[in-house]
Amino acid sequence: MPADLTAALADRYSLRRVLGRGGMATVYLADDRKHHRAVALKVLLPGLAAYLGAERFLKEIQIAARGRGSDRHPGMARRDVLDRTDRL
C-alpha cells in the first residue's frame, strides 16, 4: 500500500488490499473505522485528479448513487458514504 495514502486515510480507514486498478482509479478493500464494516474505496489517481479536478469525480459518484434500485441489487455495492481528502 502507498504509505502516503495509508497515512492520509488512517483516521477513518484501514487499507487491506487492492481490489482492482483502472485508468482512473484504484479500488481498495478497507475497514471503515467509523462504521465498523468492510468497504471498497475508489481512490482517484493523483495525476488524473490534478488534470480533471476532483469535482468531476465527485459528480460522477453522486450521479451513480442516484441509480434506481442499485441498493437492492445483489451485484452492486452500496454507495452511501462519500469522502474526500486533500492530504495526498
C-alpha atoms as a PDB file:
ATOM      1  CA  MET A   1       0.000   0.000   0.000  1.00  0.00           C
ATOM      2  CA  PRO A   2       1.248   3.514  -0.718  1.00  0.00           C
ATOM      3  CA  ALA A   3       2.489   4.998   2.571  1.00  0.00           C
ATOM      4  CA  ASP A   4       1.115   8.482   1.805  1.00  0.00           C
ATOM      5  CA  LEU A   5      -2.359   7.076   1.081  1.00  0.00           C
ATOM      6  CA  THR A   6      -2.315   4.889   4.188  1.00  0.00           C
ATOM      7  CA  ALA A   7      -1.328   7.902   6.316  1.00  0.00           C
ATOM      8  CA  ALA A   8      -3.915  10.218   4.725  1.00  0.00           C
ATOM      9  CA  LEU A   9      -6.753   7.758   5.390  1.00  0.00           C
ATOM     10  CA  ALA A  10      -5.565   6.331   8.718  1.00  0.00           C
ATOM     11  CA  ASP A  11      -8.039   8.224  10.913  1.00  0.00           C
ATOM     12  CA  ARG A  12     -11.033   6.749   9.057  1.00  0.00           C
ATOM     13  CA  TYR A  13      -9.918   3.683   7.051  1.00  0.00           C
ATOM     14  CA  SER A  14      -7.505   0.790   7.358  1.00  0.00           C
ATOM     15  CA  LEU A  15      -6.465  -0.471   3.919  1.00  0.00           C
ATOM     16  CA  ARG A  16      -6.373  -4.254   3.483  1.00  0.00           C
ATOM     17  CA  ARG A  17      -5.557  -4.886  -0.196  1.00  0.00           C
ATOM     18  CA  VAL A  18      -6.048  -3.730  -3.778  1.00  0.00           C
ATOM     19  CA  LEU A  19      -9.266  -5.000  -5.373  1.00  0.00           C
ATOM     20  CA  GLY A  20      -8.614  -3.565  -8.833  1.00  0.00           C
ATOM     21  CA  ARG A  21      -6.943  -0.888 -10.918  1.00  0.00           C
ATOM     22  CA  GLY A  22      -8.156   1.039 -13.919  1.00  0.00           C
ATOM     23  CA  GLY A  23      -7.410   4.098 -15.989  1.00  0.00           C
ATOM     24  CA  MET A  24      -8.994   6.499 -13.486  1.00  0.00           C
ATOM     25  CA  ALA A  25      -8.629   4.954 -10.058  1.00  0.00           C
ATOM     26  CA  THR A  26      -7.518   2.155  -7.788  1.00  0.00           C
ATOM     27  CA  VAL A  27     -10.097   0.338  -5.657  1.00  0.00           C
ATOM     28  CA  TYR A  28      -9.055  -0.898  -2.220  1.00  0.00           C
ATOM     29  CA  LEU A  29     -10.716  -3.212   0.278  1.00  0.00           C
ATOM     30  CA  ALA A  30     -10.623  -1.348   3.588  1.00  0.00           C
ATOM     31  CA  ASP A  31     -12.095  -1.318   7.062  1.00  0.00           C
ATOM     32  CA  ASP A  32     -14.227   1.724   7.879  1.00  0.00           C
ATOM     33  CA  ARG A  33     -13.266   2.581  11.459  1.00  0.00           C
ATOM     34  CA  LYS A  34     -16.276   4.859  11.960  1.00  0.00           C
ATOM     35  CA  HIS A  35     -18.978   2.403  10.818  1.00  0.00           C
ATOM     36  CA  HIS A  36     -17.118  -0.809  11.737  1.00  0.00           C
ATOM     37  CA  ARG A  37     -17.551  -2.532   8.381  1.00  0.00           C
ATOM     38  CA  ALA A  38     -15.627  -3.549   5.279  1.00  0.00           C
ATOM     39  CA  VAL A  39     -15.834  -1.084   2.385  1.00  0.00           C
ATOM     40  CA  ALA A  40     -14.459  -0.629  -1.103  1.00  0.00           C
ATOM     41  CA  LEU A  41     -12.602   2.658  -1.538  1.00  0.00           C
ATOM     42  CA  LYS A  42     -12.186   4.084  -5.022  1.00  0.00           C
ATOM     43  CA  VAL A  43      -9.163   6.382  -4.989  1.00  0.00           C
ATOM     44  CA  LEU A  44      -8.678   8.662  -7.982  1.00  0.00           C
ATOM     45  CA  LEU A  45      -5.181   8.527  -9.467  1.00  0.00           C
ATOM     46  CA  PRO A  46      -3.228  11.649  -8.414  1.00  0.00           C
ATOM     47  CA  GLY A  47      -2.253  12.787 -11.916  1.00  0.00           C
ATOM     48  CA  LEU A  48      -5.812  12.434 -13.149  1.00  0.00           C
ATOM     49  CA  ALA A  49      -7.180  14.290 -10.139  1.00  0.00           C
ATOM     50  CA  ALA A  50      -4.924  17.234 -10.916  1.00  0.00           C
ATOM     51  CA  TYR A  51      -5.863  17.182 -14.616  1.00  0.00           C
ATOM     52  CA  LEU A  52      -9.635  16.675 -14.371  1.00  0.00           C
ATOM     53  CA  GLY A  53     -10.261  18.122 -10.941  1.00  0.00           C
ATOM     54  CA  ALA A  54     -11.756  16.241  -8.026  1.00  0.00           C
ATOM     55  CA  GLU A  55     -15.148  17.892  -8.558  1.00  0.00           C
ATOM     56  CA  ARG A  56     -15.718  15.865 -11.743  1.00  0.00           C
ATOM     57  CA  PHE A  57     -15.032  12.633  -9.861  1.00  0.00           C
ATOM     58  CA  LEU A  58     -17.357  13.654  -7.011  1.00  0.00           C
ATOM     59  CA  LYS A  59     -20.129  14.453  -9.503  1.00  0.00           C
ATOM     60  CA  GLU A  60     -19.719  11.022 -11.118  1.00  0.00           C
ATOM     61  CA  ILE A  61     -20.150   9.378  -7.708  1.00  0.00           C
ATOM     62  CA  GLN A  62     -23.244  11.445  -6.925  1.00  0.00           C
ATOM     63  CA  ILE A  63     -24.845  10.571 -10.274  1.00  0.00           C
ATOM     64  CA  ALA A  64     -24.115   6.868  -9.806  1.00  0.00           C
ATOM     65  CA  ALA A  65     -25.525   6.993  -6.278  1.00  0.00           C
ATOM     66  CA  ARG A  66     -28.898   8.087  -7.670  1.00  0.00           C
ATOM     67  CA  GLY A  67     -29.168   4.939  -9.815  1.00  0.00           C
ATOM     68  CA  ARG A  68     -32.548   3.261  -9.455  1.00  0.00           C
ATOM     69  CA  GLY A  69     -32.669   0.070  -7.427  1.00  0.00           C
ATOM     70  CA  SER A  70     -28.908  -0.256  -7.162  1.00  0.00           C
ATOM     71  CA  ASP A  71     -29.049  -0.544  -3.370  1.00  0.00           C
ATOM     72  CA  ARG A  72     -31.262  -3.600  -3.699  1.00  0.00           C
ATOM     73  CA  HIS A  73     -29.332  -5.369  -6.461  1.00  0.00           C
ATOM     74  CA  PRO A  74     -27.006  -8.065  -5.051  1.00  0.00           C
ATOM     75  CA  GLY A  75     -24.329  -7.362  -7.667  1.00  0.00           C
ATOM     76  CA  MET A  76     -23.939  -3.683  -6.838  1.00  0.00           C
ATOM     77  CA  ALA A  77     -22.162  -2.150  -3.875  1.00  0.00           C
ATOM     78  CA  ARG A  78     -23.838   0.400  -1.633  1.00  0.00           C
ATOM     79  CA  ARG A  79     -22.731   3.952  -2.241  1.00  0.00           C
ATOM     80  CA  ASP A  80     -23.780   5.592   0.973  1.00  0.00           C
ATOM     81  CA  VAL A  81     -20.524   7.239   2.005  1.00  0.00           C
ATOM     82  CA  LEU A  82     -18.774   9.927   0.020  1.00  0.00           C
ATOM     83  CA  ASP A  83     -15.491  11.059   1.478  1.00  0.00           C
ATOM     84  CA  ARG A  84     -12.685  13.272   0.272  1.00  0.00           C
ATOM     85  CA  THR A  85      -9.188  14.031   1.461  1.00  0.00           C
ATOM     86  CA  ASP A  86      -6.817  16.688   0.227  1.00  0.00           C
ATOM     87  CA  ARG A  87      -3.933  15.286   2.288  1.00  0.00           C
ATOM     88  CA  LEU A  88      -2.278  13.478  -0.627  1.00  0.00           C
END
